[in-house]
Amino acid sequence: MQRIDFQGRNAQEAKRRALTYWYQHHQALGLSLAQFFAQCRGSQAGGGVTITFYPAAAPPGVDHRTAA
C-alpha cells in the first residue's frame, strides 16, 4: 500500500478529508481513529496543508491508493 495525501486549504479541511477516508475504510484498514492518525504526518506548503497517511501494511486484497 502506498502513502495517501489529504490536501486542504487549511488544517481543518485536510483533517476532514482524512477523517472521511478513515470512516469509509476503517473496517478494511483495521485501525482505530487514534491508530490511523498515529500513522499520519502533516505539512504546510504553498498556502495549503497536507496530511499524509503512511500505512504499515495493507491487508490482503485491499487497495486504498485513492483517497475519498
Protein backbone atom coordinates (compact mmCIF):
# COMPACT_ATOMS: atom_id res chain seq x y z
CA MET A 1 0.00 0.00 0.00
CA GLN A 2 1.30 3.44 -0.89
CA ARG A 3 1.04 6.60 1.14
CA ILE A 4 -2.11 8.70 0.78
CA ASP A 5 -2.19 12.53 0.77
CA PHE A 6 -5.17 14.56 2.01
CA GLN A 7 -4.86 18.17 0.87
CA GLY A 8 -6.82 21.16 2.07
CA ARG A 9 -6.73 24.94 2.05
CA ASN A 10 -6.32 24.80 5.83
CA ALA A 11 -5.75 22.21 8.57
CA GLN A 12 -9.46 21.75 9.21
CA GLU A 13 -10.21 20.87 5.58
CA ALA A 14 -7.28 18.43 5.33
CA LYS A 15 -8.31 16.75 8.59
CA ARG A 16 -11.93 16.49 7.40
CA ARG A 17 -10.75 14.68 4.25
CA ALA A 18 -8.59 12.30 6.29
CA LEU A 19 -11.49 11.61 8.69
CA THR A 20 -13.83 10.92 5.77
CA TYR A 21 -11.35 8.46 4.29
CA TRP A 22 -10.87 6.69 7.65
CA TYR A 23 -14.65 6.48 8.21
CA GLN A 24 -15.23 4.94 4.77
CA HIS A 25 -12.36 2.44 5.12
CA HIS A 26 -11.88 1.81 8.86
CA GLN A 27 -13.09 -1.78 8.78
CA ALA A 28 -10.80 -2.72 5.90
CA LEU A 29 -7.90 -0.78 7.43
CA GLY A 30 -8.36 -2.49 10.79
CA LEU A 31 -7.25 0.69 12.56
CA SER A 32 -8.90 2.78 15.24
CA LEU A 33 -9.03 6.51 14.62
CA ALA A 34 -6.12 7.04 17.03
CA GLN A 35 -4.07 4.36 15.25
CA PHE A 36 -4.87 5.91 11.86
CA PHE A 37 -3.74 9.39 12.90
CA ALA A 38 -0.64 7.95 14.60
CA GLN A 39 0.44 6.88 11.09
CA CYS A 40 -0.21 10.38 9.65
CA ARG A 41 2.06 13.39 9.33
CA GLY A 42 1.11 16.96 8.50
CA SER A 43 2.90 19.58 6.43
CA GLN A 44 2.28 23.07 5.09
CA ALA A 45 3.30 24.30 1.66
CA GLY A 46 2.07 26.85 -0.84
CA GLY A 47 -0.64 28.19 1.45
CA GLY A 48 -2.20 24.76 1.91
CA VAL A 49 -2.00 21.87 4.36
CA THR A 50 -1.32 18.22 3.56
CA ILE A 51 -1.90 15.27 5.88
CA THR A 52 -0.07 12.16 4.69
CA PHE A 53 -1.07 8.66 5.84
CA TYR A 54 1.82 6.19 5.87
CA PRO A 55 0.26 2.71 6.08
CA ALA A 56 2.31 -0.04 7.71
CA ALA A 57 0.91 -2.82 5.53
CA ALA A 58 -2.36 -3.44 3.72
CA PRO A 59 -4.49 -6.47 4.46
CA PRO A 60 -4.54 -8.91 1.51
CA GLY A 61 -6.87 -7.86 -1.29
CA VAL A 62 -7.34 -4.26 -0.07
CA ASP A 63 -6.40 -1.33 -2.30
CA HIS A 64 -6.50 2.14 -0.70
CA ARG A 65 -4.48 4.14 -3.20
CA THR A 66 -7.27 6.62 -3.91
CA ALA A 67 -8.48 8.97 -1.21
CA ALA A 68 -12.11 9.96 -0.94
